[in-house]
Amino acid sequence: MKSGGESIPLLLGAVPARWPDGCYTLLRLIVCGTAACLAFLASLLFNPILPVRMRRSDWVPFHIGEAVLLAVAAIQFGRSRGRQNPSA
């Protein structure tokens, strides 16, 4: 898997229909593998030990993408914590 684009159509295809449980298990494995691959690639790109050297302007798309992903993750994390412990 080269990017996260493989799991997006699968996730969207799973929304409107009722599928057997095995399909959802397969979907979860694919999304988990894609997320693990992207996390590994991000860790290689942003590691401090063997830095990737690029011009400042080349980093802009990476920083924008990173900011969007972290914002979405923070929002989702906040929502899931609110559902788990509504009294806190």
PDB file of N, CA and C in Angstrom:
ATOM      1  N   MET A   1       0.844  -1.181   0.000  1.00  0.00           N
ATOM      2  CA  MET A   1       0.000   0.000   0.000  1.00  0.00           C
ATOM      3  C   MET A   1       0.884   1.236   0.000  1.00  0.00           C
ATOM      4  N   LYS A   2       0.693   2.048  -0.964  1.00  0.00           N
ATOM      5  CA  LYS A   2       1.558   3.204  -1.098  1.00  0.00           C
ATOM      6  C   LYS A   2       1.010   4.423  -0.376  1.00  0.00           C
ATOM      7  N   SER A   3      -0.307   4.524  -0.263  1.00  0.00           N
ATOM      8  CA  SER A   3      -0.902   5.660   0.434  1.00  0.00           C
ATOM      9  C   SER A   3      -2.173   5.202   1.119  1.00  0.00           C
ATOM     10  N   GLY A   4      -2.830   6.135   1.803  1.00  0.00           N
ATOM     11  CA  GLY A   4      -4.072   5.814   2.486  1.00  0.00           C
ATOM     12  C   GLY A   4      -5.275   5.774   1.566  1.00  0.00           C
ATOM     13  N   GLY A   5      -5.091   6.023   0.277  1.00  0.00           N
ATOM     14  CA  GLY A   5      -6.198   6.087  -0.658  1.00  0.00           C
ATOM     15  C   GLY A   5      -6.912   4.768  -0.873  1.00  0.00           C
ATOM     16  N   GLU A   6      -6.286   3.649  -0.546  1.00  0.00           N
ATOM     17  CA  GLU A   6      -6.930   2.353  -0.744  1.00  0.00           C
ATOM     18  C   GLU A   6      -8.077   2.128   0.226  1.00  0.00           C
ATOM     19  N   SER A   7      -7.965   2.608   1.439  1.00  0.00           N
ATOM     20  CA  SER A   7      -8.993   2.317   2.433  1.00  0.00           C
ATOM     21  C   SER A   7     -10.191   3.246   2.366  1.00  0.00           C
ATOM     22  N   ILE A   8     -10.046   4.418   1.772  1.00  0.00           N
ATOM     23  CA  ILE A   8     -11.158   5.374   1.736  1.00  0.00           C
ATOM     24  C   ILE A   8     -12.345   4.827   0.947  1.00  0.00           C
ATOM     25  N   PRO A   9     -12.174   4.303  -0.284  1.00  0.00           N
ATOM     26  CA  PRO A   9     -13.348   3.745  -0.978  1.00  0.00           C
ATOM     27  C   PRO A   9     -13.953   2.550  -0.244  1.00  0.00           C
ATOM     28  N   LEU A  10     -13.109   1.749   0.401  1.00  0.00           N
ATOM     29  CA  LEU A  10     -13.637   0.609   1.158  1.00  0.00           C
ATOM     30  C   LEU A  10     -14.485   1.080   2.335  1.00  0.00           C
ATOM     31  N   LEU A  11     -14.017   2.097   3.042  1.00  0.00           N
ATOM     32  CA  LEU A  11     -14.801   2.630   4.156  1.00  0.00           C
ATOM     33  C   LEU A  11     -16.122   3.215   3.676  1.00  0.00           C
ATOM     34  N   LEU A  12     -16.075   3.963   2.594  1.00  0.00           N
ATOM     35  CA  LEU A  12     -17.300   4.569   2.063  1.00  0.00           C
ATOM     36  C   LEU A  12     -18.254   3.512   1.518  1.00  0.00           C
ATOM     37  N   GLY A  13     -17.723   2.445   0.948  1.00  0.00           N
ATOM     38  CA  GLY A  13     -18.573   1.374   0.444  1.00  0.00           C
ATOM     39  C   GLY A  13     -19.250   0.583   1.541  1.00  0.00           C
ATOM     40  N   ALA A  14     -18.670   0.573   2.716  1.00  0.00           N
ATOM     41  CA  ALA A  14     -19.248  -0.178   3.830  1.00  0.00           C
ATOM     42  C   ALA A  14     -20.377   0.564   4.520  1.00  0.00           C
ATOM     43  N   VAL A  15     -20.485   1.857   4.297  1.00  0.00           N
ATOM     44  CA  VAL A  15     -21.467   2.661   5.020  1.00  0.00           C
ATOM     45  C   VAL A  15     -22.921   2.350   4.653  1.00  0.00           C
ATOM     46  N   PRO A  16     -23.313   2.394   3.356  1.00  0.00           N
ATOM     47  CA  PRO A  16     -24.738   2.316   3.053  1.00  0.00           C
ATOM     48  C   PRO A  16     -25.343   0.919   3.105  1.00  0.00           C
ATOM     49  N   ALA A  17     -24.550  -0.126   3.051  1.00  0.00           N
ATOM     50  CA  ALA A  17     -25.098  -1.481   2.942  1.00  0.00           C
ATOM     51  C   ALA A  17     -24.882  -2.277   4.216  1.00  0.00           C
ATOM     52  N   ARG A  18     -25.600  -3.377   4.292  1.00  0.00           N
ATOM     53  CA  ARG A  18     -25.412  -4.316   5.411  1.00  0.00           C
ATOM     54  C   ARG A  18     -24.583  -5.469   4.872  1.00  0.00           C
ATOM     55  N   TRP A  19     -23.396  -5.637   5.396  1.00  0.00           N
ATOM     56  CA  TRP A  19     -22.466  -6.644   4.927  1.00  0.00           C
ATOM     57  C   TRP A  19     -22.299  -7.729   5.996  1.00  0.00           C
ATOM     58  N   PRO A  20     -21.844  -8.935   5.614  1.00  0.00           N
ATOM     59  CA  PRO A  20     -21.544  -9.972   6.614  1.00  0.00           C
ATOM     60  C   PRO A  20     -20.393  -9.532   7.514  1.00  0.00           C
ATOM     61  N   ASP A  21     -20.328 -10.099   8.695  1.00  0.00           N
ATOM     62  CA  ASP A  21     -19.294  -9.725   9.663  1.00  0.00           C
ATOM     63  C   ASP A  21     -17.882  -9.908   9.128  1.00  0.00           C
ATOM     64  N   GLY A  22     -17.668 -10.908   8.292  1.00  0.00           N
ATOM     65  CA  GLY A  22     -16.342 -11.149   7.729  1.00  0.00           C
ATOM     66  C   GLY A  22     -15.850  -9.986   6.884  1.00  0.00           C
ATOM     67  N   CYS A  23     -16.776  -9.317   6.198  1.00  0.00           N
ATOM     68  CA  CYS A  23     -16.388  -8.145   5.387  1.00  0.00           C
ATOM     69  C   CYS A  23     -15.887  -7.014   6.275  1.00  0.00           C
ATOM     70  N   TYR A  24     -16.552  -6.812   7.401  1.00  0.00           N
ATOM     71  CA  TYR A  24     -16.123  -5.752   8.317  1.00  0.00           C
ATOM     72  C   TYR A  24     -14.785  -6.097   8.967  1.00  0.00           C
ATOM     73  N   THR A  25     -14.563  -7.377   9.247  1.00  0.00           N
ATOM     74  CA  THR A  25     -13.269  -7.790   9.795  1.00  0.00           C
ATOM     75  C   THR A  25     -12.162  -7.546   8.780  1.00  0.00           C
ATOM     76  N   LEU A  26     -12.419  -7.895   7.524  1.00  0.00           N
ATOM     77  CA  LEU A  26     -11.437  -7.639   6.475  1.00  0.00           C
ATOM     78  C   LEU A  26     -11.190  -6.146   6.315  1.00  0.00           C
ATOM     79  N   LEU A  27     -12.253  -5.353   6.345  1.00  0.00           N
ATOM     80  CA  LEU A  27     -12.120  -3.907   6.241  1.00  0.00           C
ATOM     81  C   LEU A  27     -11.278  -3.346   7.382  1.00  0.00           C
ATOM     82  N   ARG A  28     -11.498  -3.829   8.592  1.00  0.00           N
ATOM     83  CA  ARG A  28     -10.717  -3.364   9.735  1.00  0.00           C
ATOM     84  C   ARG A  28      -9.242  -3.719   9.572  1.00  0.00           C
ATOM     85  N   LEU A  29      -8.959  -4.908   9.042  1.00  0.00           N
ATOM     86  CA  LEU A  29      -7.562  -5.300   8.811  1.00  0.00           C
ATOM     87  C   LEU A  29      -6.909  -4.398   7.769  1.00  0.00           C
ATOM     88  N   ILE A  30      -7.623  -4.090   6.692  1.00  0.00           N
ATOM     89  CA  ILE A  30      -7.068  -3.234   5.648  1.00  0.00           C
ATOM     90  C   ILE A  30      -6.814  -1.827   6.177  1.00  0.00           C
ATOM     91  N   VAL A  31      -7.775  -1.269   6.908  1.00  0.00           N
ATOM     92  CA  VAL A  31      -7.611   0.082   7.449  1.00  0.00           C
ATOM     93  C   VAL A  31      -6.484   0.113   8.480  1.00  0.00           C
ATOM     94  N   CYS A  32      -6.395  -0.916   9.305  1.00  0.00           N
ATOM     95  CA  CYS A  32      -5.321  -0.986  10.300  1.00  0.00           C
ATOM     96  C   CYS A  32      -3.961  -1.069   9.613  1.00  0.00           C
ATOM     97  N   GLY A  33      -3.863  -1.887   8.566  1.00  0.00           N
ATOM     98  CA  GLY A  33      -2.597  -1.997   7.829  1.00  0.00           C
ATOM     99  C   GLY A  33      -2.212  -0.690   7.167  1.00  0.00           C
ATOM    100  N   THR A  34      -3.209  -0.001   6.594  1.00  0.00           N
ATOM    101  CA  THR A  34      -2.937   1.286   5.965  1.00  0.00           C
ATOM    102  C   THR A  34      -2.473   2.300   6.998  1.00  0.00           C
ATOM    103  N   ALA A  35      -3.148   2.343   8.147  1.00  0.00           N
ATOM    104  CA  ALA A  35      -2.763   3.280   9.201  1.00  0.00           C
ATOM    105  C   ALA A  35      -1.359   2.973   9.718  1.00  0.00           C
ATOM    106  N   ALA A  36      -1.043   1.689   9.881  1.00  0.00           N
ATOM    107  CA  ALA A  36       0.294   1.312  10.351  1.00  0.00           C
ATOM    108  C   ALA A  36       1.358   1.707   9.332  1.00  0.00           C
ATOM    109  N   CYS A  37       1.048   1.510   8.049  1.00  0.00           N
ATOM    110  CA  CYS A  37       1.999   1.888   6.994  1.00  0.00           C
ATOM    111  C   CYS A  37       2.217   3.396   6.986  1.00  0.00           C
ATOM    112  N   LEU A  38       1.139   4.162   7.091  1.00  0.00           N
ATOM    113  CA  LEU A  38       1.275   5.616   7.107  1.00  0.00           C
ATOM    114  C   LEU A  38       2.022   6.095   8.344  1.00  0.00           C
ATOM    115  N   ALA A  39       1.773   5.462   9.484  1.00  0.00           N
ATOM    116  CA  ALA A  39       2.490   5.849  10.703  1.00  0.00           C
ATOM    117  C   ALA A  39       3.980   5.546  10.567  1.00  0.00           C
ATOM    118  N   PHE A  40       4.299   4.403   9.973  1.00  0.00           N
ATOM    119  CA  PHE A  40       5.704   4.050   9.761  1.00  0.00           C
ATOM    120  C   PHE A  40       6.375   5.052   8.820  1.00  0.00           C
ATOM    121  N   LEU A  41       5.710   5.383   7.722  1.00  0.00           N
ATOM    122  CA  LEU A  41       6.275   6.344   6.778  1.00  0.00           C
ATOM    123  C   LEU A  41       6.445   7.720   7.414  1.00  0.00           C
ATOM    124  N   ALA A  42       5.470   8.133   8.227  1.00  0.00           N
ATOM    125  CA  ALA A  42       5.581   9.422   8.913  1.00  0.00           C
ATOM    126  C   ALA A  42       6.736   9.401   9.902  1.00  0.00           C
ATOM    127  N   SER A  43       6.915   8.268  10.589  1.00  0.00           N
ATOM    128  CA  SER A  43       8.025   8.203  11.550  1.00  0.00           C
ATOM    129  C   SER A  43       9.371   8.265  10.840  1.00  0.00           C
ATOM    130  N   LEU A  44       9.465   7.704   9.640  1.00  0.00           N
ATOM    131  CA  LEU A  44      10.706   7.817   8.876  1.00  0.00           C
ATOM    132  C   LEU A  44      10.931   9.255   8.407  1.00  0.00           C
ATOM    133  N   LEU A  45       9.863   9.904   7.992  1.00  0.00           N
ATOM    134  CA  LEU A  45       9.981  11.255   7.454  1.00  0.00           C
ATOM    135  C   LEU A  45      10.332  12.275   8.533  1.00  0.00           C
ATOM    136  N   PHE A  46       9.745  12.142   9.718  1.00  0.00           N
ATOM    137  CA  PHE A  46       9.916  13.143  10.767  1.00  0.00           C
ATOM    138  C   PHE A  46      10.879  12.707  11.877  1.00  0.00           C
ATOM    139  N   ASN A  47      11.678  11.681  11.654  1.00  0.00           N
ATOM    140  CA  ASN A  47      12.570  11.217  12.710  1.00  0.00           C
ATOM    141  C   ASN A  47      13.707  12.211  12.939  1.00  0.00           C
ATOM    142  N   PRO A  48      14.160  12.364  14.180  1.00  0.00           N
ATOM    143  CA  PRO A  48      15.232  13.315  14.478  1.00  0.00           C
ATOM    144  C   PRO A  48      16.640  12.715  14.351  1.00  0.00           C
ATOM    145  N   ILE A  49      16.748  11.399  14.246  1.00  0.00           N
ATOM    146  CA  ILE A  49      18.063  10.758  14.232  1.00  0.00           C
ATOM    147  C   ILE A  49      18.675  10.794  12.841  1.00  0.00           C
ATOM    148  N   LEU A  50      17.893  10.434  11.817  1.00  0.00           N
ATOM    149  CA  LEU A  50      18.337  10.489  10.428  1.00  0.00           C
ATOM    150  C   LEU A  50      17.407  11.436   9.678  1.00  0.00           C
ATOM    151  N   PRO A  51      17.629  12.724   9.813  1.00  0.00           N
ATOM    152  CA  PRO A  51      16.686  13.681   9.241  1.00  0.00           C
ATOM    153  C   PRO A  51      16.663  13.665   7.714  1.00  0.00           C
ATOM    154  N   VAL A  52      15.475  13.914   7.187  1.00  0.00           N
ATOM    155  CA  VAL A  52      15.294  14.056   5.740  1.00  0.00           C
ATOM    156  C   VAL A  52      15.550  15.527   5.419  1.00  0.00           C
ATOM    157  N   ARG A  53      16.473  15.777   4.499  1.00  0.00           N
ATOM    158  CA  ARG A  53      16.837  17.150   4.156  1.00  0.00           C
ATOM    159  C   ARG A  53      16.040  17.601   2.935  1.00  0.00           C
ATOM    160  N   MET A  54      15.232  18.645   3.114  1.00  0.00           N
ATOM    161  CA  MET A  54      14.491  19.264   2.016  1.00  0.00           C
ATOM    162  C   MET A  54      14.454  20.764   2.252  1.00  0.00           C
ATOM    163  N   ARG A  55      14.151  21.492   1.180  1.00  0.00           N
ATOM    164  CA  ARG A  55      13.990  22.938   1.338  1.00  0.00           C
ATOM    165  C   ARG A  55      12.742  23.209   2.177  1.00  0.00           C
ATOM    166  N   ARG A  56      12.718  24.359   2.808  1.00  0.00           N
ATOM    167  CA  ARG A  56      11.603  24.732   3.667  1.00  0.00           C
ATOM    168  C   ARG A  56      10.277  24.692   2.913  1.00  0.00           C
ATOM    169  N   SER A  57      10.270  25.171   1.685  1.00  0.00           N
ATOM    170  CA  SER A  57       9.032  25.194   0.900  1.00  0.00           C
ATOM    171  C   SER A  57       8.541  23.781   0.563  1.00  0.00           C
ATOM    172  N   ASP A  58       9.437  22.803   0.495  1.00  0.00           N
ATOM    173  CA  ASP A  58       9.035  21.423   0.214  1.00  0.00           C
ATOM    174  C   ASP A  58       8.328  20.777   1.400  1.00  0.00           C
ATOM    175  N   TRP A  59       8.575  21.263   2.600  1.00  0.00           N
ATOM    176  CA  TRP A  59       7.966  20.702   3.796  1.00  0.00           C
ATOM    177  C   TRP A  59       6.523  21.165   4.003  1.00  0.00           C
ATOM    178  N   VAL A  60       6.125  22.260   3.367  1.00  0.00           N
ATOM    179  CA  VAL A  60       4.800  22.850   3.621  1.00  0.00           C
ATOM    180  C   VAL A  60       3.662  21.838   3.443  1.00  0.00           C
ATOM    181  N   PRO A  61       3.585  21.081   2.345  1.00  0.00           N
ATOM    182  CA  PRO A  61       2.478  20.121   2.220  1.00  0.00           C
ATOM    183  C   PRO A  61       2.475  19.069   3.332  1.00  0.00           C
ATOM    184  N   PHE A  62       3.654  18.643   3.745  1.00  0.00           N
ATOM    185  CA  PHE A  62       3.728  17.664   4.828  1.00  0.00           C
ATOM    186  C   PHE A  62       3.219  18.247   6.142  1.00  0.00           C
ATOM    187  N   HIS A  63       3.578  19.481   6.432  1.00  0.00           N
ATOM    188  CA  HIS A  63       3.130  20.117   7.668  1.00  0.00           C
ATOM    189  C   HIS A  63       1.621  20.372   7.658  1.00  0.00           C
ATOM    190  N   ILE A  64       1.085  20.762   6.521  1.00  0.00           N
ATOM    191  CA  ILE A  64      -0.367  20.972   6.430  1.00  0.00           C
ATOM    192  C   ILE A  64      -1.104  19.648   6.623  1.00  0.00           C
ATOM    193  N   GLY A  65      -0.648  18.611   5.947  1.00  0.00           N
ATOM    194  CA  GLY A  65      -1.269  17.295   6.110  1.00  0.00           C
ATOM    195  C   GLY A  65      -1.178  16.782   7.533  1.00  0.00           C
ATOM    196  N   GLU A  66      -0.030  16.977   8.151  1.00  0.00           N
ATOM    197  CA  GLU A  66       0.169  16.552   9.535  1.00  0.00           C
ATOM    198  C   GLU A  66      -0.770  17.315  10.470  1.00  0.00           C
ATOM    199  N   ALA A  67      -0.910  18.609  10.260  1.00  0.00           N
ATOM    200  CA  ALA A  67      -1.795  19.417  11.107  1.00  0.00           C
ATOM    201  C   ALA A  67      -3.248  18.983  10.962  1.00  0.00           C
ATOM    202  N   VAL A  68      -3.672  18.701   9.736  1.00  0.00           N
ATOM    203  CA  VAL A  68      -5.056  18.259   9.511  1.00  0.00           C
ATOM    204  C   VAL A  68      -5.292  16.910  10.180  1.00  0.00           C
ATOM    205  N   LEU A  69      -4.380  15.968   9.983  1.00  0.00           N
ATOM    206  CA  LEU A  69      -4.546  14.646  10.597  1.00  0.00           C
ATOM    207  C   LEU A  69      -4.553  14.710  12.118  1.00  0.00           C
ATOM    208  N   LEU A  70      -3.675  15.503  12.695  1.00  0.00           N
ATOM    209  CA  LEU A  70      -3.644  15.621  14.152  1.00  0.00           C
ATOM    210  C   LEU A  70      -4.899  16.308  14.689  1.00  0.00           C
ATOM    211  N   ALA A  71      -5.421  17.294  13.969  1.00  0.00           N
ATOM    212  CA  ALA A  71      -6.652  17.959  14.400  1.00  0.00           C
ATOM    213  C   ALA A  71      -7.830  16.995  14.353  1.00  0.00           C
ATOM    214  N   VAL A  72      -7.933  16.228  13.279  1.00  0.00           N
ATOM    215  CA  VAL A  72      -9.016  15.243  13.168  1.00  0.00           C
ATOM    216  C   VAL A  72      -8.890  14.192  14.266  1.00  0.00           C
ATOM    217  N   ALA A  73      -7.682  13.722  14.516  1.00  0.00           N
ATOM    218  CA  ALA A  73      -7.470  12.729  15.570  1.00  0.00           C
ATOM    219  C   ALA A  73      -7.832  13.294  16.945  1.00  0.00           C
ATOM    220  N   ALA A  74      -7.471  14.540  17.202  1.00  0.00           N
ATOM    221  CA  ALA A  74      -7.794  15.157  18.493  1.00  0.00           C
ATOM    222  C   ALA A  74      -9.305  15.305  18.669  1.00  0.00           C
ATOM    223  N   ILE A  75      -9.994  15.694  17.603  1.00  0.00           N
ATOM    224  CA  ILE A  75     -11.449  15.830  17.681  1.00  0.00           C
ATOM    225  C   ILE A  75     -12.095  14.468  17.928  1.00  0.00           C
ATOM    226  N   GLN A  76     -11.668  13.458  17.189  1.00  0.00           N
ATOM    227  CA  GLN A  76     -12.221  12.121  17.368  1.00  0.00           C
ATOM    228  C   GLN A  76     -11.915  11.577  18.762  1.00  0.00           C
ATOM    229  N   PHE A  77     -10.722  11.813  19.250  1.00  0.00           N
ATOM    230  CA  PHE A  77     -10.353  11.352  20.591  1.00  0.00           C
ATOM    231  C   PHE A  77     -11.220  12.034  21.646  1.00  0.00           C
ATOM    232  N   GLY A  78     -11.447  13.332  21.481  1.00  0.00           N
ATOM    233  CA  GLY A  78     -12.298  14.062  22.422  1.00  0.00           C
ATOM    234  C   GLY A  78     -13.726  13.558  22.405  1.00  0.00           C
ATOM    235  N   ARG A  79     -14.247  13.247  21.237  1.00  0.00           N
ATOM    236  CA  ARG A  79     -15.606  12.712  21.134  1.00  0.00           C
ATOM    237  C   ARG A  79     -15.713  11.344  21.778  1.00  0.00           C
ATOM    238  N   SER A  80     -14.733  10.478  21.534  1.00  0.00           N
ATOM    239  CA  SER A  80     -14.798   9.129  22.096  1.00  0.00           C
ATOM    240  C   SER A  80     -14.657   9.162  23.617  1.00  0.00           C
ATOM    241  N   ARG A  81     -13.861  10.067  24.146  1.00  0.00           N
ATOM    242  CA  ARG A  81     -13.740  10.179  25.602  1.00  0.00           C
ATOM    243  C   ARG A  81     -15.023  10.708  26.215  1.00  0.00           C
ATOM    244  N   GLY A  82     -15.692  11.617  25.516  1.00  0.00           N
ATOM    245  CA  GLY A  82     -16.956  12.160  26.012  1.00  0.00           C
ATOM    246  C   GLY A  82     -18.045  11.105  26.068  1.00  0.00           C
ATOM    247  N   ARG A  83     -18.064  10.170  25.130  1.00  0.00           N
ATOM    248  CA  ARG A  83     -19.064   9.096  25.126  1.00  0.00           C
ATOM    249  C   ARG A  83     -18.770   8.067  26.185  1.00  0.00           C
ATOM    250  N   GLN A  84     -17.504   7.813  26.467  1.00  0.00           N
ATOM    251  CA  GLN A  84     -17.147   6.775  27.428  1.00  0.00           C
ATOM    252  C   GLN A  84     -17.405   7.212  28.860  1.00  0.00           C
ATOM    253  N   ASN A  85     -17.207   8.497  29.164  1.00  0.00           N
ATOM    254  CA  ASN A  85     -17.326   8.974  30.540  1.00  0.00           C
ATOM    255  C   ASN A  85     -18.126  10.272  30.535  1.00  0.00           C
ATOM    256  N   PRO A  86     -19.462  10.197  30.402  1.00  0.00           N
ATOM    257  CA  PRO A  86     -20.248  11.433  30.288  1.00  0.00           C
ATOM    258  C   PRO A  86     -20.286  12.269  31.568  1.00  0.00           C
ATOM    259  N   SER A  87     -19.991  11.694  32.729  1.00  0.00           N
ATOM    260  CA  SER A  87     -20.062  12.463  33.974  1.00  0.00           C
ATOM    261  C   SER A  87     -18.815  13.289  34.233  1.00  0.00           C
ATOM    262  N   ALA A  88     -17.710  12.982  33.541  1.00  0.00           N
ATOM    263  CA  ALA A  88     -16.450  13.708  33.790  1.00  0.00           C
ATOM    264  C   ALA A  88     -16.378  15.002  33.047  1.00  0.00           C
TER     265      ALA A  88
END
